[in-house]
Amino acid sequence: MNQKILLKKLLLSFAAALSLATFARADVPLANPPPTAPAPVGQGLLGQKYASLNYSYIDLDAPTHADNFSFGFNQPLNVGLDAVLSYDWMQTGLLAGDRLNQQSVMAGLRAFSNAFAWGKPYVEAGGGYAWQRGYGASDNSFVWGLAVGAELQLAPAVTVTPFAEYADAPDLAGSGAFNFGVKANYWVDSQWAVTAGIERDDDQNTSFTVGTNFRF
């Protein structure tokens, strides 16, 4: 009988000690808490520091096409204001035994708004210089451009941006054109994105673009 009473007391004591230990453990923060879920991949391109590399196939309103390679850099300056820098190299296909080659460097500012839930409207202005060579002649010109658009958030990592722009190089033949188009950006991870787009100008030339963006 005494053994049963002793065993019962030991079991009660063990249960009480286990309860106290559990209670005390709950009040002590874990030394190595479980990792939290990663934050969503950053949205869009406006206000981000990134570099871009793109290729465009240009279906010209002519019996040939052009290839365009471009490199760009975007640097946030303040909330709602980015500095942009770009370099373009373009060359047409062979036509009448020769090709037209053009290079340009542009710098500008892009102002945008974060005040709307549906997206970020923006305006952009820039200037630079262009060099053109082909068909036995070469020329160069100052270049300027204006653009408007809106970056629309379709998914946490996907944005679509319709835009319209006007660019002119007054001293080059065939310059001064309106462009209308749309481009999309998808962040594969926190640093790397893929992009694609299509645009058409008022000279009936259509560009198809693919590329990548790398965020710093």
N, C-alpha and C. Protein backbone atom coordinates (compact mmCIF):
# COMPACT_ATOMS: atom_id res chain seq x y z
N MET A 1 0.83 -1.20 0.00
CA MET A 1 0.00 0.00 0.00
C MET A 1 0.86 1.24 0.00
N ASN A 2 1.90 1.23 0.84
CA ASN A 2 2.82 2.37 0.90
C ASN A 2 3.53 2.58 -0.43
N GLN A 3 3.84 1.46 -1.11
CA GLN A 3 4.53 1.57 -2.40
C GLN A 3 3.63 2.23 -3.44
N LYS A 4 2.30 1.87 -3.39
CA LYS A 4 1.38 2.48 -4.34
C LYS A 4 1.25 3.97 -4.09
N ILE A 5 1.18 4.36 -2.81
CA ILE A 5 1.08 5.79 -2.47
C ILE A 5 2.34 6.54 -2.92
N LEU A 6 3.51 5.92 -2.67
CA LEU A 6 4.78 6.54 -3.07
C LEU A 6 4.87 6.70 -4.58
N LEU A 7 4.43 5.64 -5.31
CA LEU A 7 4.47 5.70 -6.77
C LEU A 7 3.55 6.80 -7.29
N LYS A 8 2.37 6.91 -6.63
CA LYS A 8 1.42 7.95 -7.05
C LYS A 8 2.00 9.34 -6.83
N LYS A 9 2.67 9.55 -5.68
CA LYS A 9 3.28 10.84 -5.38
C LYS A 9 4.40 11.16 -6.37
N LEU A 10 5.18 10.15 -6.74
CA LEU A 10 6.27 10.38 -7.69
C LEU A 10 5.72 10.78 -9.07
N LEU A 11 4.64 10.11 -9.48
CA LEU A 11 4.04 10.46 -10.77
C LEU A 11 3.48 11.87 -10.78
N LEU A 12 2.83 12.25 -9.65
CA LEU A 12 2.30 13.61 -9.55
C LEU A 12 3.41 14.65 -9.57
N SER A 13 4.50 14.36 -8.88
CA SER A 13 5.65 15.28 -8.83
C SER A 13 6.27 15.44 -10.22
N PHE A 14 6.38 14.31 -10.93
CA PHE A 14 6.96 14.35 -12.28
C PHE A 14 6.08 15.17 -13.23
N ALA A 15 4.76 14.97 -13.11
CA ALA A 15 3.84 15.74 -13.96
C ALA A 15 3.90 17.22 -13.65
N ALA A 16 4.00 17.59 -12.37
CA ALA A 16 4.11 19.00 -12.00
C ALA A 16 5.39 19.60 -12.51
N ALA A 17 6.51 18.87 -12.36
CA ALA A 17 7.79 19.38 -12.86
C ALA A 17 7.79 19.58 -14.36
N LEU A 18 7.16 18.62 -15.09
CA LEU A 18 7.09 18.72 -16.54
C LEU A 18 6.26 19.93 -16.96
N SER A 19 5.15 20.20 -16.24
CA SER A 19 4.32 21.36 -16.54
C SER A 19 5.07 22.66 -16.32
N LEU A 20 5.82 22.76 -15.22
CA LEU A 20 6.60 23.96 -14.94
C LEU A 20 7.68 24.18 -15.99
N ALA A 21 8.32 23.08 -16.40
CA ALA A 21 9.37 23.20 -17.41
C ALA A 21 8.80 23.69 -18.74
N THR A 22 7.62 23.16 -19.09
CA THR A 22 6.99 23.60 -20.35
C THR A 22 6.61 25.07 -20.29
N PHE A 23 6.04 25.49 -19.15
CA PHE A 23 5.66 26.89 -18.97
C PHE A 23 6.85 27.81 -19.05
N ALA A 24 7.94 27.42 -18.39
CA ALA A 24 9.16 28.24 -18.39
C ALA A 24 9.75 28.33 -19.78
N ARG A 25 9.70 27.23 -20.55
CA ARG A 25 10.26 27.21 -21.90
C ARG A 25 9.49 28.13 -22.83
N ALA A 26 8.19 28.24 -22.60
CA ALA A 26 7.36 29.09 -23.46
C ALA A 26 7.69 30.55 -23.29
N ASP A 27 8.22 30.96 -22.11
CA ASP A 27 8.54 32.37 -21.87
C ASP A 27 9.93 32.74 -22.33
N VAL A 28 10.76 31.77 -22.71
CA VAL A 28 12.14 32.05 -23.12
C VAL A 28 12.19 32.09 -24.64
N PRO A 29 12.67 33.18 -25.24
CA PRO A 29 12.75 33.24 -26.70
C PRO A 29 13.73 32.21 -27.23
N LEU A 30 13.44 31.69 -28.40
CA LEU A 30 14.31 30.69 -29.00
C LEU A 30 15.62 31.33 -29.44
N ALA A 31 16.72 30.60 -29.20
CA ALA A 31 18.03 31.11 -29.61
C ALA A 31 18.12 31.20 -31.11
N ASN A 32 17.54 30.23 -31.81
CA ASN A 32 17.56 30.20 -33.26
C ASN A 32 16.12 30.06 -33.77
N PRO A 33 15.38 31.17 -33.84
CA PRO A 33 13.99 31.08 -34.29
C PRO A 33 13.90 30.57 -35.71
N PRO A 34 12.80 29.91 -36.07
CA PRO A 34 12.67 29.39 -37.44
C PRO A 34 12.68 30.53 -38.44
N PRO A 35 13.25 30.29 -39.62
CA PRO A 35 13.32 31.36 -40.63
C PRO A 35 11.94 31.77 -41.08
N THR A 36 11.81 33.08 -41.30
CA THR A 36 10.54 33.61 -41.79
C THR A 36 10.47 33.46 -43.30
N ALA A 37 9.29 33.52 -43.83
CA ALA A 37 9.12 33.41 -45.27
C ALA A 37 9.76 34.61 -45.95
N PRO A 38 10.43 34.38 -47.11
CA PRO A 38 11.08 35.50 -47.80
C PRO A 38 10.06 36.54 -48.25
N ALA A 39 10.51 37.78 -48.23
CA ALA A 39 9.63 38.87 -48.69
C ALA A 39 9.37 38.73 -50.18
N PRO A 40 8.24 39.22 -50.67
CA PRO A 40 7.95 39.13 -52.11
C PRO A 40 9.02 39.84 -52.93
N VAL A 41 9.24 39.31 -54.13
CA VAL A 41 10.22 39.92 -55.03
C VAL A 41 9.80 41.35 -55.34
N GLY A 42 10.80 42.26 -55.41
CA GLY A 42 10.51 43.66 -55.65
C GLY A 42 9.70 43.89 -56.91
N GLN A 43 8.80 44.85 -56.89
CA GLN A 43 7.86 45.07 -57.97
C GLN A 43 8.32 46.17 -58.91
N GLY A 44 8.27 45.88 -60.19
CA GLY A 44 8.49 46.89 -61.20
C GLY A 44 9.93 47.33 -61.37
N LEU A 45 10.08 48.36 -62.22
CA LEU A 45 11.40 48.90 -62.52
C LEU A 45 11.55 50.35 -62.07
N LEU A 46 10.45 51.07 -61.95
CA LEU A 46 10.55 52.46 -61.52
C LEU A 46 11.04 52.53 -60.07
N GLY A 47 12.01 53.40 -59.84
CA GLY A 47 12.56 53.54 -58.50
C GLY A 47 13.57 52.48 -58.12
N GLN A 48 14.01 51.66 -59.08
CA GLN A 48 14.97 50.59 -58.81
C GLN A 48 16.32 50.94 -59.45
N LYS A 49 17.38 50.43 -58.84
CA LYS A 49 18.72 50.57 -59.42
C LYS A 49 19.02 49.30 -60.19
N TYR A 50 19.11 49.42 -61.53
CA TYR A 50 19.32 48.22 -62.33
C TYR A 50 20.01 48.56 -63.65
N ALA A 51 20.56 47.53 -64.27
CA ALA A 51 21.13 47.64 -65.61
C ALA A 51 20.33 46.73 -66.53
N SER A 52 20.24 47.10 -67.80
CA SER A 52 19.46 46.32 -68.75
C SER A 52 20.27 46.07 -70.02
N LEU A 53 19.97 44.94 -70.65
CA LEU A 53 20.58 44.58 -71.93
C LEU A 53 19.47 44.01 -72.80
N ASN A 54 19.23 44.62 -73.98
CA ASN A 54 18.11 44.24 -74.82
C ASN A 54 18.54 44.05 -76.27
N TYR A 55 17.79 43.18 -76.96
CA TYR A 55 17.94 43.02 -78.41
C TYR A 55 16.58 43.25 -79.05
N SER A 56 16.57 44.01 -80.15
CA SER A 56 15.33 44.27 -80.88
C SER A 56 15.49 43.89 -82.35
N TYR A 57 14.53 43.15 -82.84
CA TYR A 57 14.42 42.90 -84.28
C TYR A 57 13.43 43.92 -84.83
N ILE A 58 13.88 44.75 -85.78
CA ILE A 58 13.04 45.82 -86.30
C ILE A 58 12.60 45.47 -87.73
N ASP A 59 11.31 45.27 -87.86
CA ASP A 59 10.71 44.99 -89.17
C ASP A 59 10.46 46.34 -89.85
N LEU A 60 11.37 46.72 -90.74
CA LEU A 60 11.30 48.03 -91.38
C LEU A 60 10.27 48.05 -92.49
N ASP A 61 9.75 49.23 -92.74
CA ASP A 61 8.88 49.44 -93.89
C ASP A 61 9.76 49.60 -95.12
N ALA A 62 10.51 48.54 -95.40
CA ALA A 62 11.50 48.52 -96.48
C ALA A 62 11.83 47.05 -96.75
N PRO A 63 12.48 46.75 -97.86
CA PRO A 63 12.79 45.35 -98.16
C PRO A 63 13.99 44.82 -97.35
N THR A 64 14.07 45.16 -96.11
CA THR A 64 15.12 44.64 -95.23
C THR A 64 14.66 44.85 -93.79
N HIS A 65 15.50 44.49 -92.82
CA HIS A 65 15.19 44.67 -91.40
C HIS A 65 16.40 45.32 -90.74
N ALA A 66 16.30 45.56 -89.43
CA ALA A 66 17.43 46.10 -88.66
C ALA A 66 17.54 45.34 -87.34
N ASP A 67 18.77 45.26 -86.86
CA ASP A 67 19.04 44.68 -85.55
C ASP A 67 19.51 45.80 -84.62
N ASN A 68 18.95 45.83 -83.42
CA ASN A 68 19.31 46.87 -82.45
C ASN A 68 19.69 46.23 -81.12
N PHE A 69 20.85 46.61 -80.61
CA PHE A 69 21.29 46.19 -79.28
C PHE A 69 21.37 47.42 -78.40
N SER A 70 20.86 47.32 -77.19
CA SER A 70 20.87 48.48 -76.30
C SER A 70 21.29 48.09 -74.89
N PHE A 71 22.01 49.00 -74.26
CA PHE A 71 22.40 48.83 -72.86
C PHE A 71 21.88 50.04 -72.09
N GLY A 72 21.30 49.81 -70.93
CA GLY A 72 20.76 50.92 -70.15
C GLY A 72 21.09 50.80 -68.68
N PHE A 73 21.00 51.93 -67.99
CA PHE A 73 21.24 51.95 -66.55
C PHE A 73 20.24 52.92 -65.92
N ASN A 74 19.62 52.49 -64.82
CA ASN A 74 18.63 53.30 -64.11
C ASN A 74 19.11 53.53 -62.68
N GLN A 75 19.15 54.80 -62.26
CA GLN A 75 19.62 55.17 -60.93
C GLN A 75 18.59 56.04 -60.22
N PRO A 76 17.98 55.55 -59.13
CA PRO A 76 17.06 56.41 -58.37
C PRO A 76 17.80 57.61 -57.78
N LEU A 77 17.24 58.79 -57.94
CA LEU A 77 17.82 60.00 -57.36
C LEU A 77 17.08 60.45 -56.12
N ASN A 78 15.78 60.24 -56.12
CA ASN A 78 14.92 60.65 -55.02
C ASN A 78 13.62 59.87 -55.16
N VAL A 79 12.74 60.00 -54.20
CA VAL A 79 11.44 59.33 -54.31
C VAL A 79 10.68 59.92 -55.50
N GLY A 80 10.36 59.06 -56.45
CA GLY A 80 9.63 59.52 -57.63
C GLY A 80 10.48 60.10 -58.73
N LEU A 81 11.81 59.94 -58.67
CA LEU A 81 12.68 60.51 -59.70
C LEU A 81 13.88 59.59 -59.96
N ASP A 82 14.03 59.17 -61.22
CA ASP A 82 15.14 58.32 -61.64
C ASP A 82 15.98 59.03 -62.71
N ALA A 83 17.28 58.74 -62.70
CA ALA A 83 18.16 59.13 -63.80
C ALA A 83 18.34 57.92 -64.70
N VAL A 84 18.30 58.14 -66.01
CA VAL A 84 18.42 57.04 -66.97
C VAL A 84 19.55 57.33 -67.95
N LEU A 85 20.27 56.27 -68.34
CA LEU A 85 21.37 56.37 -69.29
C LEU A 85 21.27 55.19 -70.24
N SER A 86 21.46 55.43 -71.53
CA SER A 86 21.35 54.32 -72.48
C SER A 86 22.33 54.49 -73.63
N TYR A 87 22.71 53.33 -74.21
CA TYR A 87 23.54 53.28 -75.41
C TYR A 87 22.88 52.31 -76.39
N ASP A 88 22.70 52.75 -77.64
CA ASP A 88 22.07 51.91 -78.66
C ASP A 88 23.00 51.75 -79.86
N TRP A 89 23.02 50.52 -80.40
CA TRP A 89 23.73 50.23 -81.64
C TRP A 89 22.75 49.55 -82.58
N MET A 90 22.57 50.14 -83.78
CA MET A 90 21.60 49.62 -84.73
C MET A 90 22.25 49.48 -86.10
N GLN A 91 21.90 48.38 -86.79
CA GLN A 91 22.41 48.18 -88.15
C GLN A 91 21.33 47.51 -88.99
N THR A 92 21.12 48.04 -90.19
CA THR A 92 20.14 47.44 -91.09
C THR A 92 20.74 46.23 -91.79
N GLY A 93 19.85 45.44 -92.39
CA GLY A 93 20.31 44.37 -93.26
C GLY A 93 20.87 44.94 -94.55
N LEU A 94 21.44 44.07 -95.34
CA LEU A 94 22.05 44.50 -96.59
C LEU A 94 20.98 44.97 -97.57
N LEU A 95 21.17 46.18 -98.08
CA LEU A 95 20.24 46.76 -99.04
C LEU A 95 21.03 47.59 -100.04
N ALA A 96 20.85 47.29 -101.33
CA ALA A 96 21.60 47.97 -102.40
C ALA A 96 23.10 47.87 -102.17
N GLY A 97 23.53 46.74 -101.62
CA GLY A 97 24.95 46.48 -101.43
C GLY A 97 25.58 47.16 -100.24
N ASP A 98 24.81 47.77 -99.37
CA ASP A 98 25.39 48.46 -98.22
C ASP A 98 24.43 48.34 -97.03
N ARG A 99 24.91 48.78 -95.87
CA ARG A 99 24.10 48.77 -94.64
C ARG A 99 24.17 50.14 -93.99
N LEU A 100 23.12 50.49 -93.27
CA LEU A 100 23.10 51.72 -92.49
C LEU A 100 23.38 51.37 -91.03
N ASN A 101 24.35 52.05 -90.45
CA ASN A 101 24.73 51.81 -89.06
C ASN A 101 24.50 53.09 -88.26
N GLN A 102 23.91 52.96 -87.07
CA GLN A 102 23.68 54.12 -86.22
C GLN A 102 23.96 53.78 -84.76
N GLN A 103 24.63 54.70 -84.06
CA GLN A 103 24.88 54.57 -82.63
C GLN A 103 24.38 55.83 -81.93
N SER A 104 23.90 55.67 -80.72
CA SER A 104 23.43 56.83 -79.97
C SER A 104 23.65 56.64 -78.48
N VAL A 105 23.88 57.75 -77.80
CA VAL A 105 24.01 57.78 -76.34
C VAL A 105 23.00 58.79 -75.82
N MET A 106 22.21 58.38 -74.81
CA MET A 106 21.17 59.25 -74.27
C MET A 106 21.24 59.26 -72.75
N ALA A 107 20.90 60.42 -72.16
CA ALA A 107 20.76 60.55 -70.71
C ALA A 107 19.51 61.37 -70.43
N GLY A 108 18.82 61.05 -69.34
CA GLY A 108 17.60 61.79 -69.06
C GLY A 108 17.10 61.59 -67.65
N LEU A 109 15.92 62.15 -67.39
CA LEU A 109 15.26 62.03 -66.10
C LEU A 109 13.87 61.47 -66.30
N ARG A 110 13.45 60.62 -65.37
CA ARG A 110 12.12 60.02 -65.42
C ARG A 110 11.43 60.29 -64.08
N ALA A 111 10.32 61.03 -64.11
CA ALA A 111 9.56 61.33 -62.90
C ALA A 111 8.30 60.48 -62.89
N PHE A 112 7.98 59.90 -61.73
CA PHE A 112 6.81 59.02 -61.65
C PHE A 112 6.10 59.23 -60.32
N SER A 113 4.89 58.72 -60.24
CA SER A 113 4.06 58.89 -59.05
C SER A 113 3.73 57.53 -58.43
N ASN A 114 3.79 57.48 -57.08
CA ASN A 114 3.40 56.29 -56.33
C ASN A 114 2.02 56.45 -55.69
N ALA A 115 1.26 57.46 -56.11
CA ALA A 115 0.02 57.82 -55.42
C ALA A 115 -1.18 57.00 -55.85
N PHE A 116 -1.05 56.17 -56.87
CA PHE A 116 -2.21 55.46 -57.40
C PHE A 116 -2.08 53.96 -57.19
N ALA A 117 -3.19 53.32 -56.79
CA ALA A 117 -3.18 51.89 -56.54
C ALA A 117 -3.07 51.09 -57.84
N TRP A 118 -3.56 51.64 -58.96
CA TRP A 118 -3.59 50.90 -60.22
C TRP A 118 -2.24 50.85 -60.93
N GLY A 119 -1.30 51.73 -60.56
CA GLY A 119 0.00 51.72 -61.22
C GLY A 119 0.76 53.01 -61.00
N LYS A 120 1.88 53.15 -61.72
CA LYS A 120 2.76 54.31 -61.57
C LYS A 120 2.87 55.04 -62.91
N PRO A 121 2.16 56.14 -63.11
CA PRO A 121 2.34 56.93 -64.32
C PRO A 121 3.68 57.66 -64.28
N TYR A 122 4.26 57.90 -65.45
CA TYR A 122 5.55 58.59 -65.48
C TYR A 122 5.66 59.47 -66.72
N VAL A 123 6.57 60.43 -66.62
CA VAL A 123 6.98 61.25 -67.77
C VAL A 123 8.50 61.24 -67.81
N GLU A 124 9.04 61.34 -69.00
CA GLU A 124 10.50 61.24 -69.16
C GLU A 124 10.97 62.23 -70.22
N ALA A 125 12.13 62.81 -69.99
CA ALA A 125 12.75 63.71 -70.97
C ALA A 125 14.24 63.43 -70.98
N GLY A 126 14.84 63.46 -72.19
CA GLY A 126 16.26 63.18 -72.28
C GLY A 126 16.88 63.77 -73.53
N GLY A 127 18.19 63.72 -73.57
CA GLY A 127 18.93 64.21 -74.72
C GLY A 127 20.24 63.45 -74.86
N GLY A 128 20.84 63.54 -76.03
CA GLY A 128 22.10 62.84 -76.26
C GLY A 128 22.65 63.14 -77.65
N TYR A 129 23.37 62.16 -78.19
CA TYR A 129 24.03 62.36 -79.48
C TYR A 129 23.96 61.07 -80.28
N ALA A 130 23.87 61.19 -81.62
CA ALA A 130 23.79 60.03 -82.50
C ALA A 130 24.77 60.17 -83.65
N TRP A 131 25.31 59.02 -84.09
CA TRP A 131 26.23 58.95 -85.22
C TRP A 131 25.66 57.96 -86.22
N GLN A 132 25.66 58.33 -87.49
CA GLN A 132 25.09 57.50 -88.54
C GLN A 132 26.08 57.37 -89.69
N ARG A 133 26.16 56.14 -90.23
CA ARG A 133 27.11 55.91 -91.34
C ARG A 133 26.52 54.85 -92.27
N GLY A 134 26.69 55.06 -93.56
CA GLY A 134 26.25 54.08 -94.55
C GLY A 134 25.99 54.70 -95.90
N TYR A 135 26.03 53.86 -96.94
CA TYR A 135 25.78 54.30 -98.31
C TYR A 135 26.68 55.46 -98.71
N GLY A 136 27.95 55.34 -98.31
CA GLY A 136 28.96 56.30 -98.73
C GLY A 136 28.93 57.62 -98.03
N ALA A 137 28.19 57.73 -96.92
CA ALA A 137 28.12 59.01 -96.20
C ALA A 137 28.08 58.75 -94.70
N SER A 138 28.38 59.77 -93.93
CA SER A 138 28.29 59.69 -92.47
C SER A 138 27.82 61.04 -91.95
N ASP A 139 27.12 61.00 -90.82
CA ASP A 139 26.59 62.23 -90.26
C ASP A 139 26.38 62.02 -88.76
N ASN A 140 26.14 63.10 -88.05
CA ASN A 140 25.87 63.01 -86.61
C ASN A 140 24.91 64.12 -86.22
N SER A 141 24.29 63.98 -85.05
CA SER A 141 23.27 64.95 -84.66
C SER A 141 23.01 64.87 -83.17
N PHE A 142 22.58 65.99 -82.61
CA PHE A 142 22.02 66.01 -81.27
C PHE A 142 20.68 65.28 -81.31
N VAL A 143 20.35 64.56 -80.24
CA VAL A 143 19.09 63.81 -80.15
C VAL A 143 18.33 64.25 -78.90
N TRP A 144 17.03 64.38 -79.03
CA TRP A 144 16.21 64.66 -77.85
C TRP A 144 14.94 63.82 -77.91
N GLY A 145 14.35 63.57 -76.75
CA GLY A 145 13.16 62.74 -76.72
C GLY A 145 12.29 63.01 -75.51
N LEU A 146 10.99 62.73 -75.65
CA LEU A 146 10.01 62.83 -74.57
C LEU A 146 9.20 61.54 -74.55
N ALA A 147 8.76 61.11 -73.37
CA ALA A 147 7.98 59.88 -73.26
C ALA A 147 7.01 59.98 -72.09
N VAL A 148 5.90 59.28 -72.23
CA VAL A 148 4.92 59.13 -71.13
C VAL A 148 4.50 57.66 -71.10
N GLY A 149 4.11 57.19 -69.94
CA GLY A 149 3.67 55.81 -69.82
C GLY A 149 3.14 55.54 -68.43
N ALA A 150 2.82 54.29 -68.16
CA ALA A 150 2.33 53.88 -66.84
C ALA A 150 2.74 52.44 -66.60
N GLU A 151 3.36 52.20 -65.46
CA GLU A 151 3.76 50.85 -65.07
C GLU A 151 2.62 50.21 -64.27
N LEU A 152 2.02 49.16 -64.82
CA LEU A 152 0.86 48.50 -64.22
C LEU A 152 1.29 47.19 -63.56
N GLN A 153 0.91 46.99 -62.31
CA GLN A 153 1.26 45.79 -61.56
C GLN A 153 0.20 44.71 -61.80
N LEU A 154 0.57 43.64 -62.53
CA LEU A 154 -0.37 42.56 -62.81
C LEU A 154 -0.24 41.40 -61.82
N ALA A 155 0.94 41.24 -61.24
CA ALA A 155 1.22 40.17 -60.27
C ALA A 155 2.40 40.65 -59.44
N PRO A 156 2.70 39.99 -58.29
CA PRO A 156 3.80 40.47 -57.45
C PRO A 156 5.12 40.67 -58.19
N ALA A 157 5.40 39.86 -59.19
CA ALA A 157 6.68 39.98 -59.90
C ALA A 157 6.52 40.40 -61.36
N VAL A 158 5.30 40.77 -61.77
CA VAL A 158 5.05 41.07 -63.18
C VAL A 158 4.46 42.48 -63.33
N THR A 159 5.08 43.27 -64.20
CA THR A 159 4.52 44.58 -64.57
C THR A 159 4.42 44.67 -66.08
N VAL A 160 3.42 45.42 -66.52
CA VAL A 160 3.24 45.72 -67.94
C VAL A 160 3.17 47.23 -68.08
N THR A 161 3.91 47.78 -69.06
CA THR A 161 4.01 49.23 -69.20
C THR A 161 3.67 49.67 -70.62
N PRO A 162 2.49 50.20 -70.85
CA PRO A 162 2.21 50.85 -72.14
C PRO A 162 2.86 52.23 -72.15
N PHE A 163 3.32 52.67 -73.33
CA PHE A 163 4.03 53.94 -73.41
C PHE A 163 3.88 54.57 -74.78
N ALA A 164 4.19 55.86 -74.83
CA ALA A 164 4.27 56.60 -76.07
C ALA A 164 5.45 57.55 -75.96
N GLU A 165 6.19 57.71 -77.05
CA GLU A 165 7.37 58.57 -77.00
C GLU A 165 7.61 59.23 -78.34
N TYR A 166 8.34 60.32 -78.28
CA TYR A 166 8.75 61.02 -79.50
C TYR A 166 10.24 61.28 -79.39
N ALA A 167 10.99 60.97 -80.46
CA ALA A 167 12.43 61.22 -80.48
C ALA A 167 12.80 61.84 -81.82
N ASP A 168 13.80 62.73 -81.78
CA ASP A 168 14.20 63.42 -83.00
C ASP A 168 15.69 63.69 -82.97
N ALA A 169 16.33 63.42 -84.10
CA ALA A 169 17.73 63.81 -84.34
C ALA A 169 17.68 64.74 -85.55
N PRO A 170 17.61 66.05 -85.36
CA PRO A 170 17.30 66.99 -86.45
C PRO A 170 18.23 66.92 -87.65
N ASP A 171 19.51 66.56 -87.44
CA ASP A 171 20.46 66.59 -88.54
C ASP A 171 20.58 65.26 -89.27
N LEU A 172 19.79 64.25 -88.88
CA LEU A 172 19.84 62.95 -89.54
C LEU A 172 18.59 62.75 -90.37
N ALA A 173 18.76 62.16 -91.54
CA ALA A 173 17.62 61.91 -92.43
C ALA A 173 16.69 60.87 -91.80
N GLY A 174 15.40 61.09 -91.97
CA GLY A 174 14.42 60.12 -91.48
C GLY A 174 14.19 60.17 -90.00
N SER A 175 14.63 61.20 -89.32
CA SER A 175 14.46 61.30 -87.88
C SER A 175 13.14 61.98 -87.54
N GLY A 176 12.80 61.96 -86.28
CA GLY A 176 11.58 62.56 -85.82
C GLY A 176 10.41 61.62 -85.98
N ALA A 177 10.18 60.77 -84.96
CA ALA A 177 9.12 59.77 -85.08
C ALA A 177 8.44 59.55 -83.73
N PHE A 178 7.12 59.29 -83.79
CA PHE A 178 6.37 58.86 -82.62
C PHE A 178 6.44 57.34 -82.53
N ASN A 179 6.59 56.83 -81.31
CA ASN A 179 6.59 55.39 -81.06
C ASN A 179 5.52 55.08 -80.03
N PHE A 180 4.78 54.01 -80.27
CA PHE A 180 3.77 53.55 -79.33
C PHE A 180 4.01 52.07 -79.07
N GLY A 181 3.94 51.64 -77.83
CA GLY A 181 4.19 50.24 -77.56
C GLY A 181 3.86 49.82 -76.15
N VAL A 182 4.24 48.60 -75.84
CA VAL A 182 4.02 48.04 -74.52
C VAL A 182 5.18 47.10 -74.21
N LYS A 183 5.61 47.09 -72.97
CA LYS A 183 6.69 46.19 -72.54
C LYS A 183 6.31 45.55 -71.21
N ALA A 184 6.84 44.35 -70.98
CA ALA A 184 6.55 43.61 -69.76
C ALA A 184 7.85 43.21 -69.08
N ASN A 185 7.79 43.14 -67.75
CA ASN A 185 8.96 42.75 -66.97
C ASN A 185 8.55 41.69 -65.94
N TYR A 186 9.36 40.63 -65.84
CA TYR A 186 9.09 39.56 -64.87
C TYR A 186 10.35 39.30 -64.05
N TRP A 187 10.25 39.50 -62.71
CA TRP A 187 11.38 39.24 -61.83
C TRP A 187 11.46 37.75 -61.52
N VAL A 188 12.49 37.10 -62.06
CA VAL A 188 12.70 35.67 -61.81
C VAL A 188 13.10 35.45 -60.36
N ASP A 189 13.97 36.31 -59.85
CA ASP A 189 14.32 36.31 -58.43
C ASP A 189 14.54 37.76 -58.00
N SER A 190 15.15 37.97 -56.84
CA SER A 190 15.25 39.33 -56.30
C SER A 190 16.18 40.23 -57.11
N GLN A 191 17.01 39.67 -57.99
CA GLN A 191 17.97 40.48 -58.73
C GLN A 191 17.81 40.42 -60.24
N TRP A 192 17.29 39.31 -60.76
CA TRP A 192 17.31 39.09 -62.20
C TRP A 192 15.90 39.04 -62.77
N ALA A 193 15.71 39.74 -63.89
CA ALA A 193 14.40 39.77 -64.54
C ALA A 193 14.56 39.56 -66.04
N VAL A 194 13.48 39.10 -66.67
CA VAL A 194 13.42 39.01 -68.13
C VAL A 194 12.36 39.99 -68.61
N THR A 195 12.54 40.49 -69.81
CA THR A 195 11.64 41.51 -70.33
C THR A 195 11.37 41.26 -71.81
N ALA A 196 10.22 41.73 -72.28
CA ALA A 196 9.85 41.63 -73.68
C ALA A 196 8.94 42.80 -74.02
N GLY A 197 8.92 43.17 -75.30
CA GLY A 197 8.08 44.29 -75.69
C GLY A 197 7.87 44.36 -77.18
N ILE A 198 6.92 45.18 -77.57
CA ILE A 198 6.65 45.45 -78.98
C ILE A 198 6.30 46.92 -79.12
N GLU A 199 6.78 47.56 -80.18
CA GLU A 199 6.44 48.96 -80.44
C GLU A 199 6.40 49.21 -81.94
N ARG A 200 5.69 50.27 -82.30
CA ARG A 200 5.53 50.63 -83.70
C ARG A 200 5.59 52.14 -83.82
N ASP A 201 6.25 52.62 -84.88
CA ASP A 201 6.33 54.06 -85.06
C ASP A 201 5.44 54.52 -86.20
N ASP A 202 5.37 55.83 -86.38
CA ASP A 202 4.47 56.37 -87.40
C ASP A 202 5.03 56.22 -88.81
N ASP A 203 6.23 55.62 -88.95
CA ASP A 203 6.76 55.27 -90.27
C ASP A 203 6.48 53.81 -90.61
N GLN A 204 5.62 53.15 -89.80
CA GLN A 204 5.22 51.76 -90.02
C GLN A 204 6.34 50.75 -89.77
N ASN A 205 7.32 51.12 -88.96
CA ASN A 205 8.36 50.18 -88.54
C ASN A 205 7.94 49.54 -87.20
N THR A 206 8.12 48.24 -87.07
CA THR A 206 7.71 47.52 -85.87
C THR A 206 8.91 46.83 -85.23
N SER A 207 9.07 47.02 -83.92
CA SER A 207 10.19 46.44 -83.18
C SER A 207 9.69 45.38 -82.21
N PHE A 208 10.39 44.26 -82.18
CA PHE A 208 10.12 43.19 -81.23
C PHE A 208 11.36 43.04 -80.34
N THR A 209 11.17 43.18 -79.03
CA THR A 209 12.31 43.27 -78.11
C THR A 209 12.26 42.16 -77.06
N VAL A 210 13.44 41.61 -76.78
CA VAL A 210 13.63 40.69 -75.65
C VAL A 210 14.88 41.15 -74.91
N GLY A 211 14.94 40.89 -73.62
CA GLY A 211 16.13 41.33 -72.86
C GLY A 211 16.10 40.88 -71.43
N THR A 212 17.01 41.44 -70.68
CA THR A 212 17.14 41.09 -69.26
C THR A 212 17.47 42.34 -68.46
N ASN A 213 17.05 42.35 -67.20
CA ASN A 213 17.38 43.42 -66.27
C ASN A 213 18.04 42.81 -65.04
N PHE A 214 19.07 43.49 -64.54
CA PHE A 214 19.78 43.01 -63.36
C PHE A 214 19.80 44.11 -62.32
N ARG A 215 19.19 43.83 -61.16
CA ARG A 215 19.06 44.83 -60.10
C ARG A 215 20.23 44.72 -59.12
N PHE A 216 20.76 45.88 -58.69
CA PHE A 216 21.88 45.91 -57.76
C PHE A 216 21.39 46.00 -56.33
